[in-house]
Amino acid sequence: MASTLTDKEMDELRDNFGLYDTVGDGKVESANMGQMLRAVGLNPTQAEVEKVMKEIDPTGNRRISFEEFVPVVLSFRSRTHKYGQDVFIDSLRVFDSDGSGSINSGELRHVLTSLGERLKDEDVDMLIQGVEDNSGLINYEDFVKSVMNG
């Protein structure tokens, strides 16, 4: 993934950043970092967000500028590229005991609601909607592409 942003990407990033600038001073509350990253299509874990925030705002009560936000976005974009769809697919392949390319939706639900950063049942419902077949199976490659591409 490129370490820079195109003019269009920079404009989109600036627009998204502006949504969180409730004071109008070109800065946002550092506590909104996770939401802001997710709003621009990134999927950091809460632990990753907290680690970054300790580096740029150790006290947790500072407002950050757009110029401070951009390097954080670039950092997460490069990580997402390295550990993106392929890693997600490989992680789910572990549950594909017969090598069919599909896993049971109940098993996927269990994994998503009980391991790692746990999702709520309604979030899982939204994610699996449209990718579960009539027999309760999910093609995990299609699922990952659906989740990661919005």
N, C-alpha and C. Protein backbone atom coordinates (compact mmCIF):
# COMPACT_ATOMS: atom_id res chain seq x y z
N MET A 1 0.86 -1.17 0.00
CA MET A 1 0.00 0.00 0.00
C MET A 1 0.89 1.22 0.00
N ALA A 2 0.54 2.20 -0.76
CA ALA A 2 1.35 3.40 -0.86
C ALA A 2 1.42 4.11 0.49
N SER A 3 2.55 4.76 0.72
CA SER A 3 2.72 5.46 1.99
C SER A 3 2.23 6.90 1.89
N THR A 4 1.63 7.26 0.77
CA THR A 4 1.05 8.58 0.61
C THR A 4 -0.38 8.44 0.14
N LEU A 5 -1.08 9.55 0.14
CA LEU A 5 -2.47 9.57 -0.27
C LEU A 5 -2.61 10.41 -1.53
N THR A 6 -3.53 10.03 -2.40
CA THR A 6 -3.82 10.85 -3.57
C THR A 6 -4.57 12.10 -3.10
N ASP A 7 -4.68 13.08 -3.98
CA ASP A 7 -5.42 14.29 -3.63
C ASP A 7 -6.86 13.96 -3.28
N LYS A 8 -7.46 13.04 -4.04
CA LYS A 8 -8.85 12.66 -3.77
C LYS A 8 -8.96 11.98 -2.40
N GLU A 9 -8.04 11.07 -2.10
CA GLU A 9 -8.06 10.40 -0.79
C GLU A 9 -7.86 11.41 0.34
N MET A 10 -6.96 12.37 0.11
CA MET A 10 -6.71 13.39 1.13
C MET A 10 -7.97 14.23 1.36
N ASP A 11 -8.67 14.58 0.28
CA ASP A 11 -9.91 15.35 0.42
C ASP A 11 -10.97 14.55 1.18
N GLU A 12 -11.09 13.26 0.85
CA GLU A 12 -12.06 12.41 1.55
C GLU A 12 -11.70 12.29 3.03
N LEU A 13 -10.42 12.13 3.31
CA LEU A 13 -9.96 12.02 4.68
C LEU A 13 -10.24 13.31 5.44
N ARG A 14 -9.99 14.44 4.79
CA ARG A 14 -10.24 15.75 5.41
C ARG A 14 -11.73 15.92 5.69
N ASP A 15 -12.57 15.50 4.74
CA ASP A 15 -14.02 15.59 4.94
C ASP A 15 -14.47 14.76 6.14
N ASN A 16 -13.97 13.52 6.21
CA ASN A 16 -14.32 12.66 7.34
C ASN A 16 -13.81 13.25 8.66
N PHE A 17 -12.61 13.77 8.64
CA PHE A 17 -12.04 14.39 9.84
C PHE A 17 -12.93 15.55 10.30
N GLY A 18 -13.39 16.33 9.32
CA GLY A 18 -14.23 17.48 9.64
C GLY A 18 -15.52 17.12 10.34
N LEU A 19 -16.03 15.93 10.09
CA LEU A 19 -17.25 15.49 10.77
C LEU A 19 -17.07 15.39 12.28
N TYR A 20 -15.85 15.16 12.71
CA TYR A 20 -15.57 15.01 14.14
C TYR A 20 -15.06 16.30 14.77
N ASP A 21 -14.85 17.32 13.98
CA ASP A 21 -14.39 18.63 14.48
C ASP A 21 -15.61 19.43 14.91
N THR A 22 -16.09 19.15 16.11
CA THR A 22 -17.32 19.77 16.59
C THR A 22 -17.13 21.21 17.05
N VAL A 23 -15.88 21.60 17.29
CA VAL A 23 -15.60 22.97 17.74
C VAL A 23 -15.31 23.90 16.57
N GLY A 24 -14.83 23.32 15.46
CA GLY A 24 -14.51 24.12 14.29
C GLY A 24 -13.12 24.72 14.31
N ASP A 25 -12.23 24.14 15.11
CA ASP A 25 -10.87 24.67 15.21
C ASP A 25 -9.84 23.83 14.47
N GLY A 26 -10.31 22.86 13.65
CA GLY A 26 -9.39 22.03 12.90
C GLY A 26 -8.78 20.91 13.72
N LYS A 27 -9.38 20.64 14.88
CA LYS A 27 -8.89 19.57 15.74
C LYS A 27 -10.08 18.72 16.21
N VAL A 28 -9.76 17.50 16.63
CA VAL A 28 -10.79 16.59 17.12
C VAL A 28 -10.37 16.01 18.46
N GLU A 29 -11.33 15.52 19.19
CA GLU A 29 -11.03 14.85 20.46
C GLU A 29 -10.28 13.57 20.18
N SER A 30 -9.18 13.37 20.87
CA SER A 30 -8.38 12.16 20.62
C SER A 30 -9.16 10.89 20.96
N ALA A 31 -10.13 11.00 21.82
CA ALA A 31 -10.94 9.84 22.19
C ALA A 31 -11.76 9.30 21.02
N ASN A 32 -11.90 10.08 19.96
CA ASN A 32 -12.66 9.65 18.78
C ASN A 32 -11.81 8.92 17.75
N MET A 33 -10.55 8.67 18.04
CA MET A 33 -9.64 8.09 17.05
C MET A 33 -10.17 6.78 16.45
N GLY A 34 -10.63 5.86 17.28
CA GLY A 34 -11.12 4.58 16.77
C GLY A 34 -12.28 4.76 15.81
N GLN A 35 -13.24 5.59 16.19
CA GLN A 35 -14.39 5.86 15.32
C GLN A 35 -13.95 6.50 14.02
N MET A 36 -13.01 7.42 14.10
CA MET A 36 -12.54 8.12 12.90
C MET A 36 -11.84 7.16 11.95
N LEU A 37 -11.03 6.27 12.48
CA LEU A 37 -10.34 5.29 11.64
C LEU A 37 -11.34 4.36 10.97
N ARG A 38 -12.34 3.95 11.73
CA ARG A 38 -13.35 3.06 11.15
C ARG A 38 -14.19 3.80 10.11
N ALA A 39 -14.41 5.09 10.31
CA ALA A 39 -15.19 5.89 9.36
C ALA A 39 -14.49 6.01 8.01
N VAL A 40 -13.16 5.86 7.99
CA VAL A 40 -12.43 5.95 6.72
C VAL A 40 -12.09 4.57 6.18
N GLY A 41 -12.78 3.53 6.70
CA GLY A 41 -12.67 2.20 6.13
C GLY A 41 -11.59 1.31 6.73
N LEU A 42 -11.02 1.71 7.84
CA LEU A 42 -10.02 0.88 8.49
C LEU A 42 -10.67 0.09 9.61
N ASN A 43 -10.03 -0.99 10.02
CA ASN A 43 -10.62 -1.86 11.04
C ASN A 43 -9.65 -2.16 12.17
N PRO A 44 -9.17 -1.12 12.86
CA PRO A 44 -8.23 -1.40 13.95
C PRO A 44 -8.95 -2.01 15.14
N THR A 45 -8.22 -2.83 15.88
CA THR A 45 -8.78 -3.33 17.13
C THR A 45 -8.71 -2.21 18.16
N GLN A 46 -9.47 -2.35 19.22
CA GLN A 46 -9.43 -1.34 20.28
C GLN A 46 -8.04 -1.28 20.89
N ALA A 47 -7.38 -2.42 21.01
CA ALA A 47 -6.02 -2.44 21.57
C ALA A 47 -5.05 -1.67 20.67
N GLU A 48 -5.19 -1.80 19.35
CA GLU A 48 -4.33 -1.05 18.42
C GLU A 48 -4.57 0.45 18.54
N VAL A 49 -5.82 0.84 18.65
CA VAL A 49 -6.16 2.25 18.79
C VAL A 49 -5.56 2.80 20.09
N GLU A 50 -5.72 2.05 21.17
CA GLU A 50 -5.19 2.50 22.46
C GLU A 50 -3.67 2.65 22.42
N LYS A 51 -3.00 1.74 21.75
CA LYS A 51 -1.53 1.82 21.63
C LYS A 51 -1.11 3.08 20.89
N VAL A 52 -1.76 3.36 19.78
CA VAL A 52 -1.44 4.56 19.01
C VAL A 52 -1.75 5.81 19.83
N MET A 53 -2.86 5.79 20.53
CA MET A 53 -3.25 6.97 21.30
C MET A 53 -2.26 7.25 22.44
N LYS A 54 -1.71 6.22 23.03
CA LYS A 54 -0.71 6.42 24.08
C LYS A 54 0.53 7.12 23.53
N GLU A 55 0.81 6.85 22.25
CA GLU A 55 1.98 7.48 21.61
C GLU A 55 1.72 8.94 21.28
N ILE A 56 0.55 9.25 20.72
CA ILE A 56 0.32 10.63 20.29
C ILE A 56 -0.39 11.48 21.33
N ASP A 57 -1.04 10.84 22.31
CA ASP A 57 -1.74 11.59 23.36
C ASP A 57 -1.71 10.81 24.66
N PRO A 58 -0.55 10.81 25.35
CA PRO A 58 -0.40 9.99 26.56
C PRO A 58 -1.43 10.29 27.66
N THR A 59 -1.89 11.54 27.75
CA THR A 59 -2.84 11.88 28.81
C THR A 59 -4.28 11.57 28.43
N GLY A 60 -4.54 11.41 27.15
CA GLY A 60 -5.88 11.06 26.70
C GLY A 60 -6.88 12.19 26.74
N ASN A 61 -6.42 13.42 26.89
CA ASN A 61 -7.37 14.52 26.98
C ASN A 61 -7.03 15.66 26.02
N ARG A 62 -6.26 15.37 25.02
CA ARG A 62 -5.82 16.37 24.07
C ARG A 62 -6.62 16.30 22.77
N ARG A 63 -6.69 17.39 22.08
CA ARG A 63 -7.30 17.43 20.75
C ARG A 63 -6.18 17.28 19.73
N ILE A 64 -6.44 16.53 18.67
CA ILE A 64 -5.40 16.29 17.67
C ILE A 64 -5.77 16.95 16.35
N SER A 65 -4.75 17.33 15.63
CA SER A 65 -4.94 18.02 14.36
C SER A 65 -5.01 17.02 13.21
N PHE A 66 -5.44 17.51 12.07
CA PHE A 66 -5.49 16.70 10.86
C PHE A 66 -4.09 16.19 10.52
N GLU A 67 -3.09 17.04 10.70
CA GLU A 67 -1.71 16.67 10.39
C GLU A 67 -1.21 15.53 11.28
N GLU A 68 -1.74 15.41 12.48
CA GLU A 68 -1.39 14.29 13.36
C GLU A 68 -2.19 13.04 13.00
N PHE A 69 -3.36 13.23 12.44
CA PHE A 69 -4.24 12.13 12.09
C PHE A 69 -3.76 11.36 10.85
N VAL A 70 -3.26 12.08 9.85
CA VAL A 70 -2.87 11.47 8.59
C VAL A 70 -1.82 10.35 8.77
N PRO A 71 -0.73 10.56 9.54
CA PRO A 71 0.23 9.47 9.70
C PRO A 71 -0.36 8.23 10.37
N VAL A 72 -1.33 8.44 11.25
CA VAL A 72 -1.99 7.30 11.89
C VAL A 72 -2.78 6.50 10.85
N VAL A 73 -3.48 7.20 9.98
CA VAL A 73 -4.23 6.54 8.90
C VAL A 73 -3.27 5.75 8.01
N LEU A 74 -2.18 6.38 7.62
CA LEU A 74 -1.21 5.70 6.74
C LEU A 74 -0.64 4.46 7.42
N SER A 75 -0.37 4.55 8.70
CA SER A 75 0.17 3.41 9.44
C SER A 75 -0.82 2.25 9.44
N PHE A 76 -2.08 2.53 9.72
CA PHE A 76 -3.09 1.48 9.74
C PHE A 76 -3.37 0.94 8.34
N ARG A 77 -3.30 1.79 7.33
CA ARG A 77 -3.50 1.32 5.95
C ARG A 77 -2.42 0.33 5.56
N SER A 78 -1.19 0.60 5.93
CA SER A 78 -0.11 -0.32 5.55
C SER A 78 -0.25 -1.64 6.29
N ARG A 79 -0.70 -1.61 7.54
CA ARG A 79 -0.92 -2.85 8.29
C ARG A 79 -2.08 -3.64 7.69
N THR A 80 -3.14 -2.94 7.33
CA THR A 80 -4.31 -3.60 6.75
C THR A 80 -3.93 -4.29 5.45
N HIS A 81 -3.08 -3.64 4.68
CA HIS A 81 -2.65 -4.23 3.43
C HIS A 81 -1.85 -5.50 3.68
N LYS A 82 -0.95 -5.46 4.63
CA LYS A 82 -0.09 -6.62 4.93
C LYS A 82 -0.90 -7.77 5.50
N TYR A 83 -1.83 -7.44 6.37
CA TYR A 83 -2.55 -8.48 7.10
C TYR A 83 -4.03 -8.44 6.79
N GLY A 84 -4.37 -8.25 5.55
CA GLY A 84 -5.75 -8.06 5.16
C GLY A 84 -6.52 -9.32 4.92
N GLN A 85 -7.12 -9.39 3.76
CA GLN A 85 -8.04 -10.47 3.43
C GLN A 85 -7.42 -11.85 3.55
N ASP A 86 -6.20 -12.01 3.08
CA ASP A 86 -5.58 -13.34 3.10
C ASP A 86 -5.46 -13.90 4.50
N VAL A 87 -5.07 -13.06 5.45
CA VAL A 87 -4.93 -13.53 6.83
C VAL A 87 -6.30 -13.87 7.41
N PHE A 88 -7.29 -13.04 7.12
CA PHE A 88 -8.64 -13.27 7.59
C PHE A 88 -9.17 -14.60 7.03
N ILE A 89 -8.97 -14.80 5.74
CA ILE A 89 -9.41 -16.05 5.09
C ILE A 89 -8.69 -17.25 5.69
N ASP A 90 -7.38 -17.14 5.86
CA ASP A 90 -6.61 -18.24 6.46
C ASP A 90 -7.09 -18.55 7.87
N SER A 91 -7.46 -17.52 8.62
CA SER A 91 -7.96 -17.72 9.98
C SER A 91 -9.26 -18.51 9.99
N LEU A 92 -10.12 -18.24 9.03
CA LEU A 92 -11.39 -18.95 8.96
C LEU A 92 -11.24 -20.34 8.35
N ARG A 93 -10.22 -20.54 7.54
CA ARG A 93 -9.98 -21.84 6.91
C ARG A 93 -9.78 -22.93 7.97
N VAL A 94 -9.29 -22.55 9.13
CA VAL A 94 -9.09 -23.50 10.23
C VAL A 94 -10.39 -24.21 10.58
N PHE A 95 -11.51 -23.53 10.41
CA PHE A 95 -12.81 -24.10 10.76
C PHE A 95 -13.45 -24.87 9.61
N ASP A 96 -12.77 -24.95 8.48
CA ASP A 96 -13.27 -25.65 7.30
C ASP A 96 -12.72 -27.07 7.32
N SER A 97 -13.32 -27.93 8.12
CA SER A 97 -12.78 -29.27 8.35
C SER A 97 -12.80 -30.17 7.12
N ASP A 98 -13.74 -29.94 6.19
CA ASP A 98 -13.81 -30.81 5.02
C ASP A 98 -13.20 -30.17 3.76
N GLY A 99 -12.64 -28.97 3.90
CA GLY A 99 -11.99 -28.32 2.76
C GLY A 99 -12.93 -27.86 1.67
N SER A 100 -14.18 -27.63 2.02
CA SER A 100 -15.20 -27.26 1.03
C SER A 100 -15.21 -25.77 0.69
N GLY A 101 -14.54 -24.98 1.48
CA GLY A 101 -14.58 -23.53 1.27
C GLY A 101 -15.70 -22.86 2.04
N SER A 102 -16.43 -23.65 2.82
CA SER A 102 -17.55 -23.12 3.60
C SER A 102 -17.43 -23.55 5.05
N ILE A 103 -18.01 -22.72 5.92
CA ILE A 103 -18.08 -23.07 7.34
C ILE A 103 -19.51 -22.86 7.82
N ASN A 104 -19.86 -23.53 8.88
CA ASN A 104 -21.19 -23.44 9.47
C ASN A 104 -21.40 -22.05 10.05
N SER A 105 -22.54 -21.44 9.77
CA SER A 105 -22.80 -20.08 10.24
C SER A 105 -22.85 -20.01 11.76
N GLY A 106 -23.31 -21.08 12.41
CA GLY A 106 -23.33 -21.10 13.87
C GLY A 106 -21.92 -21.07 14.45
N GLU A 107 -21.02 -21.78 13.80
CA GLU A 107 -19.63 -21.79 14.25
C GLU A 107 -18.98 -20.41 14.04
N LEU A 108 -19.27 -19.80 12.90
CA LEU A 108 -18.75 -18.46 12.64
C LEU A 108 -19.30 -17.48 13.67
N ARG A 109 -20.58 -17.59 13.95
CA ARG A 109 -21.19 -16.72 14.96
C ARG A 109 -20.50 -16.89 16.31
N HIS A 110 -20.25 -18.13 16.70
CA HIS A 110 -19.58 -18.40 17.97
C HIS A 110 -18.19 -17.74 18.00
N VAL A 111 -17.44 -17.90 16.92
CA VAL A 111 -16.10 -17.31 16.85
C VAL A 111 -16.17 -15.79 16.97
N LEU A 112 -17.07 -15.18 16.24
CA LEU A 112 -17.15 -13.72 16.21
C LEU A 112 -17.69 -13.11 17.50
N THR A 113 -18.47 -13.88 18.25
CA THR A 113 -19.05 -13.34 19.49
C THR A 113 -18.29 -13.75 20.75
N SER A 114 -17.32 -14.65 20.61
CA SER A 114 -16.66 -15.12 21.84
C SER A 114 -15.14 -15.05 21.82
N LEU A 115 -14.53 -14.81 20.67
CA LEU A 115 -13.07 -14.76 20.61
C LEU A 115 -12.60 -13.38 20.17
N GLY A 116 -11.42 -12.97 20.63
CA GLY A 116 -10.84 -11.70 20.22
C GLY A 116 -11.72 -10.54 20.62
N GLU A 117 -11.86 -9.57 19.73
CA GLU A 117 -12.76 -8.45 19.97
C GLU A 117 -14.17 -8.92 19.66
N ARG A 118 -14.92 -9.18 20.68
CA ARG A 118 -16.23 -9.81 20.53
C ARG A 118 -17.25 -8.89 19.90
N LEU A 119 -17.99 -9.44 18.96
CA LEU A 119 -19.07 -8.71 18.32
C LEU A 119 -20.39 -9.03 19.00
N LYS A 120 -21.34 -8.13 18.87
CA LYS A 120 -22.69 -8.37 19.37
C LYS A 120 -23.44 -9.23 18.35
N ASP A 121 -24.43 -9.97 18.81
CA ASP A 121 -25.22 -10.83 17.92
C ASP A 121 -25.81 -10.05 16.75
N GLU A 122 -26.32 -8.84 17.02
CA GLU A 122 -26.92 -8.07 15.93
C GLU A 122 -25.88 -7.64 14.89
N ASP A 123 -24.64 -7.42 15.32
CA ASP A 123 -23.57 -7.10 14.37
C ASP A 123 -23.25 -8.31 13.50
N VAL A 124 -23.23 -9.50 14.11
CA VAL A 124 -22.98 -10.72 13.35
C VAL A 124 -24.11 -10.96 12.36
N ASP A 125 -25.36 -10.72 12.80
CA ASP A 125 -26.51 -10.87 11.89
C ASP A 125 -26.31 -10.01 10.65
N MET A 126 -25.88 -8.79 10.85
CA MET A 126 -25.69 -7.87 9.74
C MET A 126 -24.58 -8.37 8.81
N LEU A 127 -23.51 -8.90 9.39
CA LEU A 127 -22.37 -9.36 8.59
C LEU A 127 -22.69 -10.59 7.75
N ILE A 128 -23.47 -11.51 8.31
CA ILE A 128 -23.72 -12.76 7.58
C ILE A 128 -24.95 -12.69 6.68
N GLN A 129 -25.71 -11.61 6.81
CA GLN A 129 -26.89 -11.45 5.97
C GLN A 129 -26.48 -11.46 4.50
N GLY A 130 -27.09 -12.34 3.74
CA GLY A 130 -26.84 -12.41 2.31
C GLY A 130 -25.69 -13.31 1.91
N VAL A 131 -24.91 -13.82 2.87
CA VAL A 131 -23.81 -14.72 2.50
C VAL A 131 -24.04 -16.14 3.01
N GLU A 132 -25.07 -16.33 3.82
CA GLU A 132 -25.40 -17.66 4.33
C GLU A 132 -26.31 -18.37 3.33
N ASP A 133 -25.98 -19.63 3.01
CA ASP A 133 -26.83 -20.36 2.07
C ASP A 133 -27.98 -21.04 2.81
N ASN A 134 -28.84 -21.74 2.08
CA ASN A 134 -30.03 -22.37 2.66
C ASN A 134 -29.71 -23.47 3.67
N SER A 135 -28.52 -24.03 3.60
CA SER A 135 -28.16 -25.09 4.54
C SER A 135 -27.36 -24.56 5.73
N GLY A 136 -27.29 -23.25 5.88
CA GLY A 136 -26.61 -22.67 7.04
C GLY A 136 -25.10 -22.59 6.90
N LEU A 137 -24.61 -22.69 5.67
CA LEU A 137 -23.17 -22.61 5.43
C LEU A 137 -22.81 -21.25 4.83
N ILE A 138 -21.58 -20.84 5.09
CA ILE A 138 -21.08 -19.57 4.57
C ILE A 138 -19.76 -19.82 3.85
N ASN A 139 -19.68 -19.39 2.60
CA ASN A 139 -18.41 -19.43 1.89
C ASN A 139 -17.55 -18.34 2.53
N TYR A 140 -16.50 -18.76 3.24
CA TYR A 140 -15.76 -17.78 4.04
C TYR A 140 -14.95 -16.80 3.21
N GLU A 141 -14.55 -17.16 1.99
CA GLU A 141 -13.86 -16.19 1.14
C GLU A 141 -14.82 -15.08 0.72
N ASP A 142 -16.05 -15.45 0.36
CA ASP A 142 -17.06 -14.44 0.02
C ASP A 142 -17.39 -13.58 1.23
N PHE A 143 -17.46 -14.22 2.39
CA PHE A 143 -17.76 -13.50 3.63
C PHE A 143 -16.69 -12.45 3.91
N VAL A 144 -15.44 -12.85 3.82
CA VAL A 144 -14.33 -11.93 4.10
C VAL A 144 -14.36 -10.76 3.10
N LYS A 145 -14.56 -11.06 1.84
CA LYS A 145 -14.61 -10.00 0.84
C LYS A 145 -15.76 -9.05 1.12
N SER A 146 -16.90 -9.60 1.51
CA SER A 146 -18.06 -8.78 1.84
C SER A 146 -17.77 -7.87 3.03
N VAL A 147 -17.16 -8.42 4.05
CA VAL A 147 -16.87 -7.64 5.26
C VAL A 147 -15.82 -6.57 4.98
N MET A 148 -14.77 -6.92 4.28
CA MET A 148 -13.66 -5.99 4.10
C MET A 148 -13.89 -4.96 3.01
N ASN A 149 -14.83 -5.23 2.12
CA ASN A 149 -15.10 -4.27 1.05
C ASN A 149 -16.39 -3.49 1.28
N GLY A 150 -16.95 -3.66 2.46
CA GLY A 150 -18.15 -2.92 2.81
C GLY A 150 -19.34 -3.48 2.15
